[in-house]
Amino acid sequence: MPKKNSIDRRLFLSQCAVSSIAAVQFGNVLACNAEEVREIPAPVPSESLEVGKPYAGWKEGELDLHFIYTGNAESCFHIYPDGTSMLLDAGDYRRKDSTIQLPDDSRRSGEWIARYVERVNPSGKKVDYLMCSHFHSDHCGGGNFFAGKTEGRGNDYDLGGLAQVGEFLRFGEAFDRSYPDYEAPVTAMKQRETLNWLKFVEYQEKTNGLKRMPFTVGRADQLVLKKDPQKYAGRFQILNVCGSGTVCLEAPKPEHEFDPTVTLPTENLYLKYPNNKTGRVNENPLSIGFRLSYGPFRFFTGGDISGVVLDENGKDIGIEAIVGRTVGKVSVCKANHHASRDAMRPEFVQAVQARVYVNNVWTPGHVNEHTMKTMCSRELYPGERLICPTYCDPEKMKKMADEAWQKDLVKLGGHVVVKAYEEGRRFKVYYLTANDESMTVKAVFGPFDA
C-alpha cells in the first residue's frame, strides 16, 4: 500500500513537464516543490502513452538493458535481440549512508533481483549468461550481508548477492574476471567474496549444469547470441575490452566491426608493471568490461573500472583512458565505479562521448559533484546528454540546486531500462517504479538516434 504522502505518478510527471520543476524520489514519497528546488530544470520526459502503465517488456528484435535498483548495490540484466539473456552482477551490501532499500527490506537484494528477472526474462528462470565483473560485495555479494547459509551441499556457502539469485534462477555459462587462474595477475583468493563465489559456481557446475568459461580480452566470439544468431549476423557483437588487468589496445577496424573471428591486440598492465602486484590489491581496475554493438547502437559497461594503475616509475598510466580509446563513441555508457570521484575521468568521457550515462546508485555519494561536472562538460564534447542515476538524494540535490549539470540530470529514481529497436537505429530510456513490483513506467526519454 502506498504511504499517505504518495501522490499520483502520472499527475506528478505532467506537473513537472509543465512547470520544468526538478523531480526527486525519496522512498515512497515524490516531491515536486518549486520553493525547495531552484530554477535549473530537470530533463523533461517525452509525452508517452506508456507512462502510468506496466512496462510492456521486450519483444523479438529489441535490445533491453535493465539497471535494477534495490538500494543494496548493483545489478544489471540484459535481453539481446533474439532473447539471449545475461545477468551482470547482483550485489548485496549495506552501509550507514546507503540509500533506501526498495521495494522494502523484507527480502535481501538477491531475491528481489531474481523476482525482477523472472518478470522480464522471455525464458523465465533460465538465463543464458551469468557474469561477475569483479569480487566486491556490491557486485557479487558474499561479504558480510546474506540471507542465510546453505546446508548439506558439501562446501556450503553464504546466500548473498549472486549466490542467493542462484536459489531462484538457472544459468548456462558463467564468467568472472579470473577463471581459471585466481592467482593471476594478482591473487583473488584472499577475499571472502571470491571464496563464496567459487563455492557457489562449483556447486552449480556439479548440480545444475552451469559451465564456467574464461573471459578472454580481445575476443568477440564468447558472448554471442544463443537463440537465433544467424538472424542477427553482421548486426550484433560483444567485444571483450578489459578484465583482470588486461586491456584491449585497439578497436576493430570499421570493416571488421561485426567479424567474430577478429582477435585484437591486448596487454596485461599488471604483468607489464609489477609494482601493481605489491601492497593492497584494488579490485576495481581489474573489472570486466565489454562493448556491445547492435546496428549503430553502442553500449559500454565496465564494472568498477577506475583507480590507479602504476607504471615502472610509479606514475598513473590511466587504465580508464586506455579502455575509453578502445571503446570509442557510444550511445549509452554505464558509469564506471558508480561515477565515484576516482572514475569517469575526462579522458574516458571525452573518448566515449555518450548520449546517455546510466549510474547504479546505492549511496548518495554516487551522484558526485566532481564527476557530474566531467560527464556534463561541453568542453570535453559538445551536444546534449542525459544522466540517469537509479537514485538521487533530495537533500543533496537541494544543496547543489545551482549547479549547471543538474539540467542534464534525471532525479526521478527507480529502475532504468534502455531499449534499442529498429535494428539498433533508435533507443529510449525508461524509468520504472522501484517502490513495488508493478513495473509501472514513471517517465520515458527519447527516442534518440543511435
Protein backbone atom coordinates (compact mmCIF):
# COMPACT_ATOMS: atom_id res chain seq x y z
CA MET A 1 0.00 0.00 0.00
CA PRO A 2 1.36 3.47 -0.80
CA LYS A 3 2.13 5.74 2.06
CA LYS A 4 -0.30 8.56 2.72
CA ASN A 5 2.19 11.14 1.42
CA SER A 6 2.33 9.50 -2.00
CA ILE A 7 0.86 11.32 -4.98
CA ASP A 8 -0.33 10.06 -8.33
CA ARG A 9 2.71 9.40 -10.56
CA ARG A 10 1.07 10.44 -13.84
CA LEU A 11 -0.19 13.70 -12.30
CA PHE A 12 3.27 14.30 -10.84
CA LEU A 13 5.03 13.85 -14.21
CA SER A 14 2.59 16.06 -16.06
CA GLN A 15 3.02 18.81 -13.46
CA CYS A 16 6.79 18.64 -13.76
CA ALA A 17 6.68 18.74 -17.57
CA VAL A 18 4.54 21.88 -17.48
CA SER A 19 6.47 23.79 -14.82
CA SER A 20 10.00 22.45 -15.52
CA ILE A 21 10.42 21.76 -11.82
CA ALA A 22 13.00 19.20 -10.78
CA ALA A 23 11.56 15.94 -9.51
CA VAL A 24 13.07 13.77 -6.79
CA GLN A 25 12.17 10.45 -5.31
CA PHE A 26 12.71 9.69 -1.66
CA GLY A 27 11.44 6.30 -0.68
CA ASN A 28 7.75 6.20 -1.49
CA VAL A 29 7.38 9.98 -1.39
CA LEU A 30 7.69 12.00 -4.57
CA ALA A 31 8.39 15.71 -4.07
CA CYS A 32 7.82 18.48 -6.57
CA ASN A 33 8.23 21.82 -4.81
CA ALA A 34 9.27 25.00 -6.60
CA GLU A 35 10.29 26.67 -3.33
CA GLU A 36 12.65 23.87 -2.36
CA VAL A 37 14.28 23.13 -5.74
CA ARG A 38 15.57 26.11 -7.66
CA GLU A 39 15.42 27.23 -11.25
CA ILE A 40 17.63 24.68 -13.04
CA PRO A 41 15.07 22.34 -14.67
CA ALA A 42 15.37 18.59 -14.84
CA PRO A 43 15.14 16.95 -18.27
CA VAL A 44 11.54 16.87 -19.44
CA PRO A 45 10.26 13.36 -20.29
CA SER A 46 8.70 12.61 -23.66
CA GLU A 47 4.94 12.58 -23.86
CA SER A 48 4.15 8.89 -23.89
CA LEU A 49 1.04 6.77 -23.53
CA GLU A 50 3.25 4.25 -21.71
CA VAL A 51 3.54 6.41 -18.58
CA GLY A 52 1.42 5.13 -15.72
CA LYS A 53 1.15 1.64 -17.22
CA PRO A 54 3.22 -1.51 -16.60
CA TYR A 55 6.34 -1.67 -18.75
CA ALA A 56 5.47 -3.51 -21.99
CA GLY A 57 8.68 -5.54 -21.89
CA TRP A 58 10.97 -6.98 -24.53
CA LYS A 59 9.99 -8.33 -27.94
CA GLU A 60 11.91 -10.01 -30.76
CA GLY A 61 14.40 -7.66 -32.41
CA GLU A 62 14.72 -5.34 -29.41
CA LEU A 63 17.63 -4.91 -27.03
CA ASP A 64 16.69 -4.29 -23.39
CA LEU A 65 19.27 -3.21 -20.80
CA HIS A 66 17.85 -3.20 -17.26
CA PHE A 67 19.60 -1.36 -14.43
CA ILE A 68 17.94 -2.74 -11.30
CA TYR A 69 17.62 -0.66 -8.14
CA THR A 70 17.43 -2.30 -4.72
CA GLY A 71 19.41 0.15 -2.58
CA ASN A 72 21.76 -2.73 -1.76
CA ALA A 73 24.29 -2.43 -4.60
CA GLU A 74 24.47 -3.03 -8.37
CA SER A 75 22.74 -5.41 -10.75
CA CYS A 76 22.05 -5.32 -14.49
CA PHE A 77 20.02 -7.66 -16.68
CA HIS A 78 20.33 -7.77 -20.47
CA ILE A 79 17.99 -9.20 -23.09
CA TYR A 80 19.50 -9.31 -26.56
CA PRO A 81 17.60 -9.14 -29.87
CA ASP A 82 16.97 -12.90 -30.19
CA GLY A 83 16.06 -13.35 -26.50
CA THR A 84 19.51 -14.34 -25.25
CA SER A 85 19.89 -13.08 -21.67
CA MET A 86 22.61 -12.12 -19.20
CA LEU A 87 22.64 -11.26 -15.51
CA LEU A 88 25.60 -8.97 -14.91
CA ASP A 89 26.37 -8.66 -11.19
CA ALA A 90 24.00 -8.87 -8.24
CA GLY A 91 25.46 -7.31 -5.14
CA ASP A 92 24.37 -7.22 -1.53
CA TYR A 93 25.96 -4.54 0.61
CA ARG A 94 24.80 -2.02 3.21
CA ARG A 95 26.47 0.95 4.88
CA LYS A 96 25.21 3.60 7.25
CA ASP A 97 24.93 6.02 4.32
CA SER A 98 23.31 3.55 1.91
CA THR A 99 20.21 4.70 0.07
CA ILE A 100 16.76 3.44 0.95
CA GLN A 101 16.00 -0.24 0.25
CA LEU A 102 13.21 -0.76 -2.26
CA PRO A 103 10.63 -2.19 -2.54
CA ASP A 104 11.45 -2.74 1.17
CA ASP A 105 13.79 -4.67 3.44
CA SER A 106 11.62 -7.79 3.77
CA ARG A 107 13.89 -9.65 1.31
CA ARG A 108 17.60 -9.50 0.60
CA SER A 109 18.62 -7.99 -2.71
CA GLY A 110 19.36 -11.36 -4.38
CA GLU A 111 15.72 -12.38 -4.06
CA TRP A 112 14.41 -9.01 -5.25
CA ILE A 113 16.71 -9.22 -8.27
CA ALA A 114 15.65 -12.79 -9.11
CA ARG A 115 11.98 -11.78 -8.95
CA TYR A 116 12.68 -8.83 -11.25
CA VAL A 117 14.47 -11.06 -13.76
CA GLU A 118 11.61 -13.57 -13.83
CA ARG A 119 9.16 -10.77 -14.64
CA VAL A 120 11.06 -9.53 -17.70
CA ASN A 121 13.03 -12.54 -18.97
CA PRO A 122 11.42 -14.23 -22.02
CA SER A 123 12.85 -17.54 -20.76
CA GLY A 124 11.62 -17.14 -17.19
CA LYS A 125 14.02 -18.75 -14.72
CA LYS A 126 16.58 -19.74 -17.39
CA VAL A 127 19.31 -17.17 -18.04
CA ASP A 128 21.97 -17.80 -20.68
CA TYR A 129 24.90 -15.91 -19.14
CA LEU A 130 25.96 -15.08 -15.59
CA MET A 131 28.76 -12.55 -15.17
CA CYS A 132 30.63 -11.37 -12.09
CA SER A 133 32.51 -8.21 -13.10
CA HIS A 134 34.80 -8.30 -10.05
CA PHE A 135 34.95 -9.58 -6.49
CA HIS A 136 33.36 -6.85 -4.40
CA SER A 137 30.26 -7.34 -2.24
CA ASP A 138 28.31 -4.61 -4.02
CA HIS A 139 28.68 -6.56 -7.29
CA CYS A 140 28.78 -10.23 -6.33
CA GLY A 141 27.70 -10.41 -2.68
CA GLY A 142 29.22 -12.93 -0.33
CA GLY A 143 30.76 -10.43 2.06
CA ASN A 144 29.04 -9.75 5.36
CA PHE A 145 25.46 -9.46 4.10
CA PHE A 146 23.45 -12.54 3.26
CA ALA A 147 20.09 -14.23 3.74
CA GLY A 148 21.47 -17.41 5.28
CA LYS A 149 23.81 -20.29 4.55
CA THR A 150 23.30 -23.43 2.51
CA GLU A 151 23.15 -26.76 4.28
CA GLY A 152 24.06 -30.22 3.06
CA ARG A 153 25.84 -29.14 -0.11
CA GLY A 154 29.29 -30.21 0.95
CA ASN A 155 31.19 -26.95 0.80
CA ASP A 156 28.37 -24.69 1.98
CA TYR A 157 28.29 -21.00 1.12
CA ASP A 158 26.52 -17.79 2.13
CA LEU A 159 23.33 -16.91 0.29
CA GLY A 160 24.17 -13.35 -0.61
CA GLY A 161 24.08 -11.48 -3.91
CA LEU A 162 24.71 -13.74 -6.91
CA ALA A 163 24.69 -16.86 -4.76
CA GLN A 164 21.23 -16.01 -3.49
CA VAL A 165 19.99 -15.31 -7.03
CA GLY A 166 21.14 -18.86 -7.82
CA GLU A 167 18.47 -20.21 -5.47
CA PHE A 168 15.81 -18.98 -7.90
CA LEU A 169 17.35 -18.87 -11.40
CA ARG A 170 19.39 -21.28 -13.55
CA PHE A 171 22.33 -20.19 -15.69
CA GLY A 172 24.04 -21.56 -18.78
CA GLU A 173 27.56 -20.09 -18.80
CA ALA A 174 29.38 -18.14 -16.08
CA PHE A 175 32.20 -15.63 -16.46
CA ASP A 176 34.32 -13.84 -13.90
CA ARG A 177 37.49 -11.76 -14.10
CA SER A 178 39.87 -14.59 -13.10
CA TYR A 179 38.79 -18.06 -14.19
CA PRO A 180 40.63 -20.41 -14.40
CA ASP A 181 43.62 -18.88 -12.54
CA TYR A 182 42.62 -16.96 -9.43
CA GLU A 183 46.24 -16.14 -8.58
CA ALA A 184 46.94 -14.13 -11.75
CA PRO A 185 47.85 -11.37 -12.24
CA VAL A 186 47.27 -10.83 -8.51
CA THR A 187 45.60 -13.18 -6.08
CA ALA A 188 41.85 -13.02 -5.63
CA MET A 189 41.81 -15.85 -3.12
CA LYS A 190 42.24 -13.72 0.00
CA GLN A 191 38.81 -12.16 -0.41
CA ARG A 192 35.73 -13.56 1.23
CA GLU A 193 33.65 -12.59 -1.80
CA THR A 194 35.86 -14.63 -4.15
CA LEU A 195 35.77 -17.71 -1.96
CA ASN A 196 31.99 -17.57 -1.64
CA TRP A 197 31.61 -17.11 -5.40
CA LEU A 198 33.81 -20.14 -6.06
CA LYS A 199 31.81 -22.35 -3.72
CA PHE A 200 28.61 -21.20 -5.40
CA VAL A 201 29.70 -21.74 -9.02
CA GLU A 202 31.35 -25.08 -8.22
CA TYR A 203 28.10 -26.31 -6.70
CA GLN A 204 26.08 -25.02 -9.66
CA GLU A 205 28.54 -26.72 -12.01
CA LYS A 206 28.09 -30.09 -10.31
CA THR A 207 24.36 -29.85 -9.70
CA ASN A 208 22.67 -27.62 -12.25
CA GLY A 209 24.80 -27.84 -15.39
CA LEU A 210 26.49 -24.44 -15.16
CA LYS A 211 29.50 -24.14 -17.47
CA ARG A 212 32.36 -21.88 -16.36
CA MET A 213 34.21 -20.01 -19.09
CA PRO A 214 37.34 -17.83 -19.20
CA PHE A 215 36.75 -14.22 -20.21
CA THR A 216 39.35 -13.57 -22.92
CA VAL A 217 40.07 -9.91 -23.63
CA GLY A 218 40.31 -9.01 -27.32
CA ARG A 219 37.80 -11.62 -28.48
CA ALA A 220 34.31 -11.06 -29.87
CA ASP A 221 33.13 -14.66 -30.11
CA GLN A 222 32.46 -15.55 -26.47
CA LEU A 223 29.35 -13.56 -25.56
CA VAL A 224 27.23 -14.49 -28.55
CA LEU A 225 23.55 -14.85 -29.32
CA LYS A 226 22.20 -18.26 -28.32
CA LYS A 227 18.67 -18.38 -29.74
CA ASP A 228 18.92 -17.21 -33.36
CA PRO A 229 22.44 -15.93 -34.07
CA GLN A 230 22.19 -16.14 -37.86
CA LYS A 231 19.26 -13.76 -37.96
CA TYR A 232 21.45 -11.01 -36.46
CA ALA A 233 24.78 -11.91 -38.07
CA GLY A 234 26.64 -8.75 -39.04
CA ARG A 235 24.47 -6.62 -36.75
CA PHE A 236 25.21 -7.76 -33.18
CA GLN A 237 28.50 -8.22 -31.37
CA ILE A 238 30.03 -8.06 -27.90
CA LEU A 239 33.74 -7.22 -27.76
CA ASN A 240 35.68 -8.17 -24.60
CA VAL A 241 37.55 -4.94 -23.80
CA CYS A 242 39.16 -5.44 -20.38
CA GLY A 243 39.40 -7.80 -17.45
CA SER A 244 41.83 -8.77 -14.68
CA GLY A 245 44.31 -6.07 -15.68
CA THR A 246 44.38 -6.97 -19.38
CA VAL A 247 43.15 -4.33 -21.80
CA CYS A 248 42.32 -4.42 -25.50
CA LEU A 249 44.63 -1.90 -27.17
CA GLU A 250 42.56 -1.07 -30.23
CA ALA A 251 39.04 -1.29 -31.60
CA PRO A 252 38.09 -3.34 -34.67
CA LYS A 253 38.50 -1.54 -37.96
CA PRO A 254 35.13 -0.47 -39.41
CA GLU A 255 35.18 -3.27 -41.98
CA HIS A 256 35.70 -5.81 -39.17
CA GLU A 257 33.18 -4.29 -36.75
CA PHE A 258 30.95 -7.36 -36.66
CA ASP A 259 33.52 -10.02 -37.55
CA PRO A 260 33.59 -12.54 -34.66
CA THR A 261 36.84 -14.12 -35.86
CA VAL A 262 38.93 -10.99 -35.27
CA THR A 263 41.21 -11.14 -32.23
CA LEU A 264 42.63 -7.77 -31.21
CA PRO A 265 45.98 -6.99 -29.55
CA THR A 266 45.97 -6.87 -25.74
CA GLU A 267 48.34 -6.17 -22.89
CA ASN A 268 48.26 -7.07 -19.20
CA LEU A 269 49.24 -3.89 -17.42
CA TYR A 270 49.74 -5.63 -14.08
CA LEU A 271 52.29 -8.02 -15.58
CA LYS A 272 53.95 -5.23 -17.55
CA TYR A 273 54.29 -3.10 -14.40
CA PRO A 274 54.96 -5.47 -11.45
CA ASN A 275 54.69 -2.65 -8.89
CA ASN A 276 50.93 -3.10 -9.13
CA LYS A 277 51.26 -6.59 -7.68
CA THR A 278 52.64 -5.38 -4.34
CA GLY A 279 50.68 -3.98 -1.44
CA ARG A 280 46.90 -3.82 -1.28
CA VAL A 281 45.04 -5.23 -4.28
CA ASN A 282 42.35 -2.92 -5.64
CA GLU A 283 39.68 -5.00 -7.35
CA ASN A 284 38.19 -2.09 -9.28
CA PRO A 285 40.81 -1.71 -12.06
CA LEU A 286 40.55 -5.48 -12.59
CA SER A 287 36.87 -5.30 -13.55
CA ILE A 288 35.46 -6.94 -16.67
CA GLY A 289 34.38 -4.50 -19.38
CA PHE A 290 32.79 -5.05 -22.78
CA ARG A 291 31.37 -3.06 -25.68
CA LEU A 292 28.05 -4.16 -27.14
CA SER A 293 27.10 -3.25 -30.71
CA TYR A 294 23.65 -3.64 -32.25
CA GLY A 295 23.50 -1.97 -35.64
CA PRO A 296 24.65 1.62 -34.98
CA PHE A 297 23.83 1.37 -31.26
CA ARG A 298 26.86 1.11 -28.96
CA PHE A 299 26.92 0.40 -25.23
CA PHE A 300 29.80 0.06 -22.77
CA THR A 301 29.79 -1.47 -19.32
CA GLY A 302 32.96 -1.75 -17.26
CA GLY A 303 32.01 -2.72 -13.73
CA ASP A 304 34.01 -0.51 -11.35
CA ILE A 305 36.99 0.09 -13.63
CA SER A 306 38.75 3.10 -12.16
CA GLY A 307 41.51 3.83 -9.73
CA VAL A 308 45.24 3.88 -10.19
CA VAL A 309 47.45 1.52 -12.18
CA LEU A 310 51.13 2.48 -11.96
CA ASP A 311 53.99 2.26 -14.45
CA GLU A 312 57.61 1.40 -13.57
CA ASN A 313 58.16 4.98 -12.37
CA GLY A 314 55.14 4.98 -10.08
CA LYS A 315 53.11 7.16 -12.44
CA ASP A 316 49.42 6.51 -13.04
CA ILE A 317 49.00 5.18 -16.59
CA GLY A 318 45.25 5.88 -16.69
CA ILE A 319 43.71 2.47 -17.36
CA GLU A 320 40.27 4.03 -17.79
CA ALA A 321 41.55 6.27 -20.58
CA ILE A 322 43.11 3.31 -22.42
CA VAL A 323 39.81 1.45 -22.21
CA GLY A 324 37.91 4.52 -23.41
CA ARG A 325 40.05 4.90 -26.52
CA THR A 326 39.35 1.28 -27.49
CA VAL A 327 35.62 1.57 -26.79
CA GLY A 328 35.21 4.81 -28.74
CA LYS A 329 31.94 6.70 -29.07
CA VAL A 330 28.87 5.02 -27.64
CA SER A 331 25.16 5.72 -27.41
CA VAL A 332 24.90 4.64 -23.76
CA CYS A 333 27.54 4.12 -21.09
CA LYS A 334 27.10 2.60 -17.66
CA ALA A 335 29.03 4.87 -15.34
CA ASN A 336 32.28 3.29 -14.16
CA HIS A 337 32.52 2.71 -10.39
CA HIS A 338 29.10 4.29 -9.77
CA ALA A 339 30.50 7.62 -11.05
CA SER A 340 32.64 7.92 -7.91
CA ARG A 341 35.39 10.52 -7.63
CA ASP A 342 38.10 8.18 -8.97
CA ALA A 343 36.14 7.23 -12.12
CA MET A 344 34.69 8.78 -15.27
CA ARG A 345 37.84 10.81 -15.74
CA PRO A 346 37.97 13.44 -18.51
CA GLU A 347 40.00 11.26 -20.90
CA PHE A 348 37.43 8.46 -20.69
CA VAL A 349 34.39 10.73 -21.03
CA GLN A 350 35.94 12.51 -24.00
CA ALA A 351 36.60 9.16 -25.68
CA VAL A 352 33.14 7.60 -25.27
CA GLN A 353 31.04 10.79 -25.73
CA ALA A 354 27.85 9.05 -24.61
CA ARG A 355 24.40 10.47 -25.26
CA VAL A 356 23.17 8.75 -22.09
CA TYR A 357 25.00 7.75 -18.90
CA VAL A 358 23.28 5.35 -16.50
CA ASN A 359 24.53 5.11 -12.94
CA ASN A 360 23.76 2.28 -10.50
CA VAL A 361 23.48 4.09 -7.16
CA TRP A 362 23.47 2.70 -3.62
CA THR A 363 24.83 5.68 -1.66
CA PRO A 364 24.15 9.42 -2.14
CA GLY A 365 27.86 9.93 -2.86
CA HIS A 366 27.43 8.18 -6.22
CA VAL A 367 25.87 11.35 -7.60
CA ASN A 368 29.21 13.10 -7.20
CA GLU A 369 29.60 16.80 -7.96
CA HIS A 370 33.10 16.44 -9.38
CA THR A 371 32.17 13.52 -11.66
CA MET A 372 28.89 15.10 -12.72
CA LYS A 373 30.77 18.17 -13.97
CA THR A 374 33.04 15.92 -16.01
CA MET A 375 30.24 13.87 -17.58
CA CYS A 376 28.27 17.03 -18.43
CA SER A 377 31.21 19.09 -19.73
CA ARG A 378 30.61 20.56 -23.20
CA GLU A 379 34.32 21.35 -23.35
CA LEU A 380 35.08 17.61 -23.47
CA TYR A 381 32.50 17.10 -26.23
CA PRO A 382 29.51 19.11 -27.48
CA GLY A 383 25.87 18.13 -27.57
CA GLU A 384 23.01 17.19 -25.29
CA ARG A 385 23.23 14.29 -22.86
CA LEU A 386 21.15 12.60 -20.22
CA ILE A 387 22.47 11.44 -16.83
CA CYS A 388 20.27 8.67 -15.39
CA PRO A 389 21.05 7.54 -11.82
CA THR A 390 18.83 4.94 -10.20
CA TYR A 391 18.54 7.18 -7.13
CA CYS A 392 19.01 10.89 -6.34
CA ASP A 393 19.15 12.06 -2.74
CA PRO A 394 16.72 15.02 -2.47
CA GLU A 395 18.64 16.78 0.29
CA LYS A 396 21.88 16.61 -1.64
CA MET A 397 20.20 17.88 -4.81
CA LYS A 398 18.70 20.78 -2.85
CA LYS A 399 22.14 21.82 -1.59
CA MET A 400 23.53 21.70 -5.15
CA ALA A 401 20.50 23.24 -6.83
CA ASP A 402 22.56 25.97 -8.54
CA GLU A 403 24.89 23.51 -10.29
CA ALA A 404 24.60 23.74 -14.09
CA TRP A 405 24.95 19.97 -14.51
CA GLN A 406 21.53 19.46 -12.94
CA LYS A 407 19.93 20.38 -16.26
CA ASP A 408 21.25 17.05 -17.61
CA LEU A 409 20.27 15.02 -14.55
CA VAL A 410 17.12 12.89 -14.18
CA LYS A 411 16.14 12.93 -10.50
CA LEU A 412 13.19 10.52 -10.58
CA GLY A 413 14.94 7.42 -9.24
CA GLY A 414 13.91 3.82 -9.86
CA HIS A 415 14.82 1.03 -12.25
CA VAL A 416 16.28 2.33 -15.52
CA VAL A 417 15.69 0.48 -18.80
CA VAL A 418 17.40 1.29 -22.11
CA LYS A 419 15.61 -0.13 -25.12
CA ALA A 420 17.27 -0.16 -28.58
CA TYR A 421 15.00 -1.01 -31.50
CA GLU A 422 14.61 -0.63 -35.29
CA GLU A 423 17.73 -2.80 -35.67
CA GLY A 424 19.61 -0.58 -33.23
CA ARG A 425 18.94 2.68 -35.05
CA ARG A 426 16.92 4.23 -32.22
CA PHE A 427 16.66 3.90 -28.46
CA LYS A 428 14.62 5.09 -25.48
CA VAL A 429 15.25 5.37 -21.75
CA TYR A 430 12.54 4.32 -19.28
CA TYR A 431 12.23 4.94 -15.57
CA LEU A 432 10.19 2.28 -13.76
CA THR A 433 8.99 2.46 -10.18
CA ALA A 434 11.09 0.56 -7.65
CA ASN A 435 8.61 1.18 -4.84
CA ASP A 436 6.76 -2.03 -5.70
CA GLU A 437 6.87 -4.82 -8.30
CA SER A 438 4.28 -3.32 -10.64
CA MET A 439 6.92 -2.22 -13.21
CA THR A 440 4.93 1.00 -13.66
CA VAL A 441 6.50 3.40 -16.16
CA LYS A 442 7.27 6.72 -14.47
CA ALA A 443 8.83 8.50 -17.44
CA VAL A 444 10.14 7.92 -20.96
CA PHE A 445 13.02 9.85 -22.54
CA GLY A 446 13.68 9.77 -26.26
CA PRO A 447 13.56 8.34 -28.80
CA PHE A 448 17.18 9.07 -29.60
CA ASP A 449 19.07 8.26 -32.79
CA ALA A 450 21.88 5.76 -32.16
